[in-house]
Amino acid sequence: MLLGLLTVGACSKDKDAKADRLTTYDRLLRTLYRNTVPAIRPVQLAELLQEKPESVVVLDTRTPVEYQVSHLRNARFVDYDSFKKNTFDNLSRRQTVVVYCSVGYRSERVGEQLKALGFQDVRNLYGGIFQWVNEGRTVYNQQGPTTNVHPYSPLWSPWLKSGRQVYK
């Protein structure tokens, strides 16, 4: 019996320690995500893109202005405001598709739509382009690599800790 109580106490402490390690940003994301689309961490996506770039399609689900300011290299633009009209006929249903937006909320909605259309391996970039840039990864615009990132709105801008905030 005592062993059981000690085990429960140890598990509880491990759980508390893990919760303490969560950043404020992680806590925000937990309130935003429905967890209907599996997440992929930026480090995992970067490794996948380096090892097997042909095996993954990256879709930027933000607005045209946000995409023009910067995006992940070779990301295809899918306008969030009109994605419901898109049937994505040009994409293989078997290919890995990673969707992203600023923080992952809008892209999760697009990911849900892709799953409903029969896509078998859809993932949402955890923390979106903000997390990607905050971890020191490169984004691009028409001229090439850039530090510019569209922060979506002044409300969301505090979550973008790196890069240069640019509203166009």
N, C-alpha and C. Protein backbone atom coordinates (compact mmCIF):
# COMPACT_ATOMS: atom_id res chain seq x y z
N MET A 1 0.83 -1.19 0.00
CA MET A 1 0.00 0.00 0.00
C MET A 1 0.86 1.25 0.00
N LEU A 2 1.88 1.27 0.84
CA LEU A 2 2.78 2.41 0.92
C LEU A 2 3.48 2.62 -0.42
N LEU A 3 3.87 1.51 -1.07
CA LEU A 3 4.52 1.61 -2.37
C LEU A 3 3.59 2.27 -3.38
N GLY A 4 2.32 1.91 -3.34
CA GLY A 4 1.33 2.51 -4.23
C GLY A 4 1.21 4.00 -4.02
N LEU A 5 1.19 4.44 -2.78
CA LEU A 5 1.10 5.88 -2.48
C LEU A 5 2.35 6.62 -2.94
N LEU A 6 3.50 5.99 -2.76
CA LEU A 6 4.74 6.62 -3.21
C LEU A 6 4.78 6.74 -4.73
N THR A 7 4.29 5.71 -5.41
CA THR A 7 4.25 5.73 -6.87
C THR A 7 3.33 6.83 -7.37
N VAL A 8 2.15 6.95 -6.78
CA VAL A 8 1.21 8.00 -7.16
C VAL A 8 1.85 9.36 -6.92
N GLY A 9 2.49 9.52 -5.78
CA GLY A 9 3.15 10.79 -5.47
C GLY A 9 4.25 11.10 -6.46
N ALA A 10 5.03 10.11 -6.85
CA ALA A 10 6.12 10.32 -7.82
C ALA A 10 5.55 10.69 -9.18
N CYS A 11 4.49 10.01 -9.60
CA CYS A 11 3.86 10.33 -10.89
C CYS A 11 3.31 11.74 -10.87
N SER A 12 2.70 12.11 -9.76
CA SER A 12 2.15 13.45 -9.64
C SER A 12 3.24 14.50 -9.73
N LYS A 13 4.39 14.23 -9.07
CA LYS A 13 5.51 15.17 -9.12
C LYS A 13 6.06 15.28 -10.53
N ASP A 14 6.16 14.14 -11.25
CA ASP A 14 6.63 14.16 -12.63
C ASP A 14 5.70 14.98 -13.51
N LYS A 15 4.42 14.81 -13.29
CA LYS A 15 3.41 15.54 -14.05
C LYS A 15 3.52 17.04 -13.76
N ASP A 16 3.69 17.41 -12.49
CA ASP A 16 3.84 18.81 -12.11
C ASP A 16 5.11 19.41 -12.69
N ALA A 17 6.19 18.64 -12.68
CA ALA A 17 7.46 19.13 -13.24
C ALA A 17 7.32 19.37 -14.73
N LYS A 18 6.64 18.47 -15.41
CA LYS A 18 6.42 18.63 -16.85
C LYS A 18 5.56 19.87 -17.12
N ALA A 19 4.53 20.07 -16.35
CA ALA A 19 3.67 21.25 -16.51
C ALA A 19 4.44 22.53 -16.26
N ASP A 20 5.36 22.51 -15.28
CA ASP A 20 6.17 23.68 -15.01
C ASP A 20 7.09 24.04 -16.17
N ARG A 21 7.49 23.02 -16.93
CA ARG A 21 8.38 23.25 -18.07
C ARG A 21 7.65 23.84 -19.27
N LEU A 22 6.35 23.75 -19.29
CA LEU A 22 5.59 24.31 -20.40
C LEU A 22 5.76 25.82 -20.43
N THR A 23 6.01 26.33 -21.61
CA THR A 23 6.10 27.78 -21.74
C THR A 23 4.70 28.36 -21.78
N THR A 24 4.62 29.63 -21.62
CA THR A 24 3.33 30.31 -21.73
C THR A 24 2.75 30.10 -23.13
N TYR A 25 3.62 30.09 -24.12
CA TYR A 25 3.19 29.86 -25.50
C TYR A 25 2.59 28.46 -25.65
N ASP A 26 3.24 27.45 -25.04
CA ASP A 26 2.70 26.09 -25.08
C ASP A 26 1.32 26.04 -24.43
N ARG A 27 1.16 26.75 -23.33
CA ARG A 27 -0.15 26.78 -22.66
C ARG A 27 -1.21 27.41 -23.56
N LEU A 28 -0.85 28.48 -24.24
CA LEU A 28 -1.77 29.12 -25.19
C LEU A 28 -2.17 28.14 -26.28
N LEU A 29 -1.19 27.45 -26.85
CA LEU A 29 -1.47 26.51 -27.93
C LEU A 29 -2.39 25.39 -27.46
N ARG A 30 -2.22 24.95 -26.22
CA ARG A 30 -3.10 23.92 -25.68
C ARG A 30 -4.55 24.38 -25.64
N THR A 31 -4.78 25.67 -25.44
CA THR A 31 -6.16 26.17 -25.42
C THR A 31 -6.72 26.35 -26.82
N LEU A 32 -5.84 26.55 -27.81
CA LEU A 32 -6.28 26.79 -29.18
C LEU A 32 -6.52 25.51 -29.98
N TYR A 33 -5.68 24.53 -29.77
CA TYR A 33 -5.73 23.32 -30.57
C TYR A 33 -6.84 22.38 -30.11
N ARG A 34 -7.50 21.78 -31.08
CA ARG A 34 -8.50 20.76 -30.80
C ARG A 34 -7.88 19.36 -30.82
N ASN A 35 -6.65 19.28 -31.29
CA ASN A 35 -5.93 18.01 -31.44
C ASN A 35 -6.62 17.06 -32.40
N THR A 36 -7.20 17.63 -33.45
CA THR A 36 -7.86 16.84 -34.49
C THR A 36 -6.90 16.48 -35.62
N VAL A 37 -5.76 17.15 -35.64
CA VAL A 37 -4.72 16.89 -36.64
C VAL A 37 -3.42 16.69 -35.88
N PRO A 38 -2.73 15.59 -36.11
CA PRO A 38 -1.47 15.37 -35.38
C PRO A 38 -0.48 16.51 -35.61
N ALA A 39 0.22 16.89 -34.57
CA ALA A 39 1.20 17.97 -34.68
C ALA A 39 2.56 17.40 -35.06
N ILE A 40 3.32 18.22 -35.76
CA ILE A 40 4.71 17.92 -36.05
C ILE A 40 5.52 19.11 -35.55
N ARG A 41 6.54 18.84 -34.78
CA ARG A 41 7.39 19.89 -34.23
C ARG A 41 8.28 20.46 -35.33
N PRO A 42 8.65 21.73 -35.20
CA PRO A 42 9.54 22.33 -36.21
C PRO A 42 10.82 21.54 -36.45
N VAL A 43 11.43 21.03 -35.40
CA VAL A 43 12.66 20.26 -35.58
C VAL A 43 12.40 19.00 -36.40
N GLN A 44 11.25 18.36 -36.19
CA GLN A 44 10.91 17.16 -36.95
C GLN A 44 10.66 17.50 -38.42
N LEU A 45 9.96 18.60 -38.68
CA LEU A 45 9.71 19.01 -40.06
C LEU A 45 11.01 19.38 -40.75
N ALA A 46 11.88 20.11 -40.07
CA ALA A 46 13.17 20.49 -40.66
C ALA A 46 13.96 19.24 -41.04
N GLU A 47 13.97 18.23 -40.18
CA GLU A 47 14.69 16.98 -40.48
C GLU A 47 14.05 16.28 -41.67
N LEU A 48 12.73 16.21 -41.70
CA LEU A 48 12.01 15.57 -42.79
C LEU A 48 12.30 16.27 -44.12
N LEU A 49 12.28 17.60 -44.10
CA LEU A 49 12.54 18.36 -45.32
C LEU A 49 13.99 18.21 -45.79
N GLN A 50 14.88 17.99 -44.87
CA GLN A 50 16.29 17.81 -45.24
C GLN A 50 16.53 16.39 -45.77
N GLU A 51 15.94 15.40 -45.12
CA GLU A 51 16.17 14.00 -45.49
C GLU A 51 15.38 13.57 -46.71
N LYS A 52 14.09 13.95 -46.76
CA LYS A 52 13.20 13.49 -47.83
C LYS A 52 12.30 14.63 -48.30
N PRO A 53 12.85 15.66 -48.92
CA PRO A 53 12.02 16.82 -49.30
C PRO A 53 10.88 16.47 -50.26
N GLU A 54 11.08 15.44 -51.08
CA GLU A 54 10.05 15.06 -52.05
C GLU A 54 8.88 14.32 -51.40
N SER A 55 9.06 13.90 -50.16
CA SER A 55 8.02 13.10 -49.50
C SER A 55 6.97 13.93 -48.77
N VAL A 56 7.15 15.24 -48.74
CA VAL A 56 6.23 16.09 -47.97
C VAL A 56 5.85 17.33 -48.77
N VAL A 57 4.59 17.69 -48.65
CA VAL A 57 4.08 18.94 -49.22
C VAL A 57 3.76 19.86 -48.05
N VAL A 58 4.29 21.07 -48.09
CA VAL A 58 4.04 22.04 -47.02
C VAL A 58 3.07 23.09 -47.55
N LEU A 59 1.97 23.29 -46.82
CA LEU A 59 0.94 24.25 -47.22
C LEU A 59 0.87 25.40 -46.21
N ASP A 60 1.03 26.60 -46.71
CA ASP A 60 0.89 27.82 -45.90
C ASP A 60 -0.57 28.23 -45.99
N THR A 61 -1.26 28.23 -44.87
CA THR A 61 -2.71 28.46 -44.85
C THR A 61 -3.10 29.86 -44.39
N ARG A 62 -2.15 30.78 -44.46
CA ARG A 62 -2.41 32.15 -44.00
C ARG A 62 -3.02 32.98 -45.14
N THR A 63 -3.06 34.28 -44.95
CA THR A 63 -3.59 35.18 -45.97
C THR A 63 -2.51 35.51 -46.98
N PRO A 64 -2.89 36.04 -48.15
CA PRO A 64 -1.89 36.41 -49.15
C PRO A 64 -0.83 37.39 -48.62
N VAL A 65 -1.23 38.36 -47.84
CA VAL A 65 -0.28 39.34 -47.31
C VAL A 65 0.73 38.67 -46.38
N GLU A 66 0.25 37.80 -45.52
CA GLU A 66 1.15 37.09 -44.61
C GLU A 66 2.16 36.25 -45.40
N TYR A 67 1.68 35.55 -46.42
CA TYR A 67 2.55 34.70 -47.23
C TYR A 67 3.60 35.54 -47.97
N GLN A 68 3.20 36.69 -48.48
CA GLN A 68 4.14 37.55 -49.22
C GLN A 68 5.26 38.06 -48.32
N VAL A 69 4.96 38.32 -47.06
CA VAL A 69 6.00 38.80 -46.14
C VAL A 69 7.04 37.72 -45.94
N SER A 70 6.62 36.49 -45.69
CA SER A 70 7.54 35.36 -45.57
C SER A 70 6.77 34.06 -45.43
N HIS A 71 7.46 32.99 -45.73
CA HIS A 71 6.88 31.65 -45.63
C HIS A 71 8.02 30.63 -45.54
N LEU A 72 7.67 29.39 -45.23
CA LEU A 72 8.67 28.33 -45.24
C LEU A 72 9.09 28.07 -46.68
N ARG A 73 10.33 27.67 -46.85
CA ARG A 73 10.87 27.42 -48.19
C ARG A 73 10.02 26.39 -48.92
N ASN A 74 9.66 26.72 -50.16
CA ASN A 74 8.88 25.86 -51.05
C ASN A 74 7.46 25.58 -50.56
N ALA A 75 6.98 26.34 -49.59
CA ALA A 75 5.59 26.16 -49.13
C ALA A 75 4.63 26.62 -50.22
N ARG A 76 3.58 25.88 -50.38
CA ARG A 76 2.53 26.25 -51.33
C ARG A 76 1.49 27.08 -50.59
N PHE A 77 1.03 28.11 -51.24
CA PHE A 77 0.05 28.99 -50.61
C PHE A 77 -1.36 28.43 -50.76
N VAL A 78 -2.09 28.37 -49.64
CA VAL A 78 -3.50 27.99 -49.62
C VAL A 78 -4.19 29.05 -48.78
N ASP A 79 -4.96 29.88 -49.39
CA ASP A 79 -5.61 30.98 -48.70
C ASP A 79 -6.66 30.45 -47.71
N TYR A 80 -6.43 30.73 -46.44
CA TYR A 80 -7.34 30.27 -45.40
C TYR A 80 -8.77 30.73 -45.66
N ASP A 81 -8.92 31.96 -46.14
CA ASP A 81 -10.26 32.52 -46.33
C ASP A 81 -11.04 31.84 -47.44
N SER A 82 -10.36 31.08 -48.32
CA SER A 82 -11.10 30.42 -49.39
C SER A 82 -10.75 28.93 -49.51
N PHE A 83 -10.12 28.36 -48.51
CA PHE A 83 -9.68 26.97 -48.61
C PHE A 83 -10.84 26.00 -48.73
N LYS A 84 -12.00 26.33 -48.21
CA LYS A 84 -13.12 25.40 -48.27
C LYS A 84 -13.57 25.14 -49.70
N LYS A 85 -13.27 26.06 -50.61
CA LYS A 85 -13.63 25.89 -52.01
C LYS A 85 -12.63 25.01 -52.75
N ASN A 86 -11.48 24.76 -52.15
CA ASN A 86 -10.41 24.02 -52.79
C ASN A 86 -10.60 22.52 -52.54
N THR A 87 -10.50 21.72 -53.60
CA THR A 87 -10.63 20.27 -53.47
C THR A 87 -9.25 19.60 -53.42
N PHE A 88 -8.20 20.37 -53.64
CA PHE A 88 -6.83 19.87 -53.58
C PHE A 88 -6.61 18.68 -54.50
N ASP A 89 -7.22 18.75 -55.69
CA ASP A 89 -7.10 17.65 -56.66
C ASP A 89 -5.67 17.44 -57.14
N ASN A 90 -4.83 18.46 -57.02
CA ASN A 90 -3.45 18.36 -57.51
C ASN A 90 -2.50 17.69 -56.51
N LEU A 91 -3.01 17.25 -55.37
CA LEU A 91 -2.17 16.61 -54.35
C LEU A 91 -2.55 15.14 -54.17
N SER A 92 -1.53 14.32 -54.02
CA SER A 92 -1.76 12.90 -53.77
C SER A 92 -2.32 12.72 -52.36
N ARG A 93 -3.32 11.90 -52.25
CA ARG A 93 -3.94 11.63 -50.95
C ARG A 93 -3.02 10.81 -50.04
N ARG A 94 -1.97 10.21 -50.63
CA ARG A 94 -1.05 9.38 -49.85
C ARG A 94 0.20 10.14 -49.39
N GLN A 95 0.43 11.30 -49.95
CA GLN A 95 1.64 12.06 -49.60
C GLN A 95 1.46 12.75 -48.24
N THR A 96 2.56 12.89 -47.50
CA THR A 96 2.52 13.61 -46.24
C THR A 96 2.28 15.08 -46.53
N VAL A 97 1.30 15.68 -45.86
CA VAL A 97 0.99 17.09 -46.02
C VAL A 97 1.13 17.76 -44.66
N VAL A 98 1.94 18.81 -44.61
CA VAL A 98 2.10 19.59 -43.38
C VAL A 98 1.49 20.96 -43.63
N VAL A 99 0.57 21.34 -42.77
CA VAL A 99 -0.07 22.65 -42.87
C VAL A 99 0.44 23.55 -41.75
N TYR A 100 0.50 24.84 -42.03
CA TYR A 100 0.90 25.78 -40.97
C TYR A 100 0.26 27.13 -41.23
N CYS A 101 0.19 27.91 -40.14
CA CYS A 101 -0.23 29.31 -40.19
C CYS A 101 0.64 30.05 -39.19
N SER A 102 0.12 31.08 -38.58
CA SER A 102 0.93 31.84 -37.61
C SER A 102 1.24 31.00 -36.38
N VAL A 103 0.20 30.45 -35.75
CA VAL A 103 0.40 29.68 -34.52
C VAL A 103 -0.14 28.25 -34.60
N GLY A 104 -0.91 27.92 -35.61
CA GLY A 104 -1.42 26.57 -35.77
C GLY A 104 -2.92 26.41 -35.68
N TYR A 105 -3.63 27.47 -35.35
CA TYR A 105 -5.09 27.36 -35.23
C TYR A 105 -5.77 27.23 -36.60
N ARG A 106 -5.48 28.19 -37.48
CA ARG A 106 -6.11 28.16 -38.82
C ARG A 106 -5.68 26.92 -39.59
N SER A 107 -4.40 26.57 -39.47
CA SER A 107 -3.92 25.40 -40.21
C SER A 107 -4.57 24.11 -39.71
N GLU A 108 -4.88 24.05 -38.43
CA GLU A 108 -5.58 22.87 -37.94
C GLU A 108 -6.94 22.73 -38.61
N ARG A 109 -7.64 23.85 -38.84
CA ARG A 109 -8.92 23.80 -39.53
C ARG A 109 -8.75 23.29 -40.97
N VAL A 110 -7.70 23.76 -41.64
CA VAL A 110 -7.43 23.30 -43.00
C VAL A 110 -7.06 21.81 -42.97
N GLY A 111 -6.28 21.41 -41.98
CA GLY A 111 -5.92 20.00 -41.84
C GLY A 111 -7.14 19.12 -41.66
N GLU A 112 -8.12 19.60 -40.91
CA GLU A 112 -9.37 18.85 -40.74
C GLU A 112 -10.07 18.66 -42.08
N GLN A 113 -10.08 19.72 -42.88
CA GLN A 113 -10.70 19.65 -44.21
C GLN A 113 -9.95 18.66 -45.10
N LEU A 114 -8.63 18.69 -45.05
CA LEU A 114 -7.84 17.75 -45.86
C LEU A 114 -8.13 16.31 -45.45
N LYS A 115 -8.21 16.06 -44.17
CA LYS A 115 -8.53 14.71 -43.70
C LYS A 115 -9.92 14.29 -44.20
N ALA A 116 -10.87 15.22 -44.18
CA ALA A 116 -12.22 14.92 -44.66
C ALA A 116 -12.22 14.62 -46.16
N LEU A 117 -11.25 15.17 -46.88
CA LEU A 117 -11.13 14.92 -48.32
C LEU A 117 -10.36 13.64 -48.63
N GLY A 118 -9.94 12.92 -47.59
CA GLY A 118 -9.29 11.64 -47.80
C GLY A 118 -7.77 11.62 -47.72
N PHE A 119 -7.17 12.72 -47.30
CA PHE A 119 -5.72 12.73 -47.13
C PHE A 119 -5.37 11.86 -45.94
N GLN A 120 -4.38 10.99 -46.12
CA GLN A 120 -4.08 9.98 -45.11
C GLN A 120 -3.06 10.42 -44.06
N ASP A 121 -2.16 11.34 -44.43
CA ASP A 121 -1.11 11.76 -43.50
C ASP A 121 -1.01 13.28 -43.48
N VAL A 122 -1.83 13.89 -42.64
CA VAL A 122 -1.87 15.34 -42.51
C VAL A 122 -1.34 15.70 -41.13
N ARG A 123 -0.45 16.69 -41.09
CA ARG A 123 0.11 17.12 -39.82
C ARG A 123 0.07 18.65 -39.73
N ASN A 124 -0.05 19.14 -38.53
CA ASN A 124 -0.09 20.58 -38.26
C ASN A 124 1.22 20.99 -37.62
N LEU A 125 1.88 22.01 -38.18
CA LEU A 125 3.15 22.47 -37.63
C LEU A 125 2.91 23.09 -36.27
N TYR A 126 3.44 22.46 -35.24
CA TYR A 126 3.24 22.92 -33.87
C TYR A 126 3.80 24.32 -33.69
N GLY A 127 2.94 25.22 -33.25
CA GLY A 127 3.36 26.61 -33.02
C GLY A 127 3.44 27.45 -34.27
N GLY A 128 3.17 26.86 -35.43
CA GLY A 128 3.14 27.59 -36.68
C GLY A 128 4.47 28.23 -37.06
N ILE A 129 4.38 29.21 -37.94
CA ILE A 129 5.58 29.91 -38.40
C ILE A 129 6.24 30.66 -37.25
N PHE A 130 5.46 31.07 -36.25
CA PHE A 130 6.06 31.73 -35.08
C PHE A 130 7.07 30.81 -34.41
N GLN A 131 6.67 29.56 -34.14
CA GLN A 131 7.57 28.62 -33.48
C GLN A 131 8.76 28.31 -34.37
N TRP A 132 8.52 28.18 -35.65
CA TRP A 132 9.59 27.91 -36.62
C TRP A 132 10.67 28.99 -36.52
N VAL A 133 10.24 30.24 -36.56
CA VAL A 133 11.17 31.37 -36.50
C VAL A 133 11.76 31.52 -35.10
N ASN A 134 10.94 31.36 -34.07
CA ASN A 134 11.43 31.47 -32.70
C ASN A 134 12.54 30.46 -32.41
N GLU A 135 12.53 29.33 -33.10
CA GLU A 135 13.58 28.33 -32.93
C GLU A 135 14.79 28.58 -33.83
N GLY A 136 14.76 29.71 -34.55
CA GLY A 136 15.92 30.09 -35.35
C GLY A 136 15.96 29.55 -36.76
N ARG A 137 14.83 29.09 -37.26
CA ARG A 137 14.79 28.56 -38.62
C ARG A 137 14.47 29.66 -39.63
N THR A 138 14.92 29.46 -40.85
CA THR A 138 14.83 30.46 -41.90
C THR A 138 13.47 30.46 -42.57
N VAL A 139 13.01 31.65 -42.92
CA VAL A 139 11.83 31.83 -43.75
C VAL A 139 12.26 32.61 -45.00
N TYR A 140 11.38 32.62 -45.99
CA TYR A 140 11.71 33.17 -47.30
C TYR A 140 10.61 34.09 -47.80
N ASN A 141 11.00 35.00 -48.71
CA ASN A 141 10.05 35.77 -49.50
C ASN A 141 10.51 35.69 -50.95
N GLN A 142 9.97 36.53 -51.83
CA GLN A 142 10.34 36.45 -53.24
C GLN A 142 11.82 36.71 -53.49
N GLN A 143 12.46 37.48 -52.63
CA GLN A 143 13.87 37.81 -52.80
C GLN A 143 14.80 36.73 -52.22
N GLY A 144 14.31 35.88 -51.38
CA GLY A 144 15.13 34.84 -50.77
C GLY A 144 14.95 34.83 -49.26
N PRO A 145 15.99 34.39 -48.52
CA PRO A 145 15.88 34.35 -47.05
C PRO A 145 15.59 35.73 -46.48
N THR A 146 14.79 35.75 -45.43
CA THR A 146 14.43 37.02 -44.79
C THR A 146 14.22 36.80 -43.30
N THR A 147 14.30 37.87 -42.56
CA THR A 147 13.96 37.81 -41.13
C THR A 147 12.55 38.35 -40.90
N ASN A 148 11.90 38.84 -41.94
CA ASN A 148 10.56 39.40 -41.83
C ASN A 148 9.51 38.32 -41.59
N VAL A 149 8.62 38.61 -40.67
CA VAL A 149 7.49 37.71 -40.39
C VAL A 149 6.27 38.58 -40.13
N HIS A 150 5.16 38.23 -40.74
CA HIS A 150 3.91 38.93 -40.48
C HIS A 150 3.32 38.39 -39.18
N PRO A 151 3.12 39.24 -38.18
CA PRO A 151 2.64 38.76 -36.87
C PRO A 151 1.12 38.58 -36.77
N TYR A 152 0.42 38.58 -37.89
CA TYR A 152 -1.02 38.38 -37.96
C TYR A 152 -1.80 39.57 -37.41
N SER A 153 -1.58 39.92 -36.15
CA SER A 153 -2.24 41.07 -35.56
C SER A 153 -1.45 41.52 -34.33
N PRO A 154 -1.67 42.74 -33.87
CA PRO A 154 -0.97 43.19 -32.65
C PRO A 154 -1.26 42.29 -31.44
N LEU A 155 -2.43 41.69 -31.40
CA LEU A 155 -2.77 40.78 -30.32
C LEU A 155 -1.85 39.57 -30.28
N TRP A 156 -1.48 39.04 -31.45
CA TRP A 156 -0.66 37.85 -31.53
C TRP A 156 0.83 38.15 -31.59
N SER A 157 1.21 39.38 -31.86
CA SER A 157 2.62 39.72 -32.06
C SER A 157 3.54 39.39 -30.88
N PRO A 158 3.09 39.45 -29.62
CA PRO A 158 4.02 39.09 -28.52
C PRO A 158 4.54 37.66 -28.58
N TRP A 159 3.84 36.78 -29.28
CA TRP A 159 4.26 35.38 -29.35
C TRP A 159 5.38 35.17 -30.36
N LEU A 160 5.61 36.16 -31.21
CA LEU A 160 6.71 36.10 -32.17
C LEU A 160 7.92 36.75 -31.52
N LYS A 161 8.82 35.93 -31.00
CA LYS A 161 9.96 36.42 -30.22
C LYS A 161 11.18 36.71 -31.09
N SER A 162 11.26 36.13 -32.27
CA SER A 162 12.38 36.32 -33.17
C SER A 162 11.88 36.88 -34.49
N GLY A 163 12.82 37.28 -35.32
CA GLY A 163 12.45 37.83 -36.60
C GLY A 163 12.01 39.29 -36.47
N ARG A 164 11.78 39.89 -37.60
CA ARG A 164 11.35 41.29 -37.68
C ARG A 164 9.87 41.32 -38.04
N GLN A 165 9.07 41.90 -37.18
CA GLN A 165 7.63 41.95 -37.41
C GLN A 165 7.32 42.97 -38.50
N VAL A 166 6.63 42.51 -39.54
CA VAL A 166 6.31 43.37 -40.67
C VAL A 166 4.84 43.21 -41.01
N TYR A 167 4.12 44.31 -40.93
CA TYR A 167 2.72 44.36 -41.41
C TYR A 167 2.78 45.02 -42.78
N LYS A 168 2.20 44.40 -43.74
CA LYS A 168 2.25 44.96 -45.10
C LYS A 168 0.95 45.63 -45.44
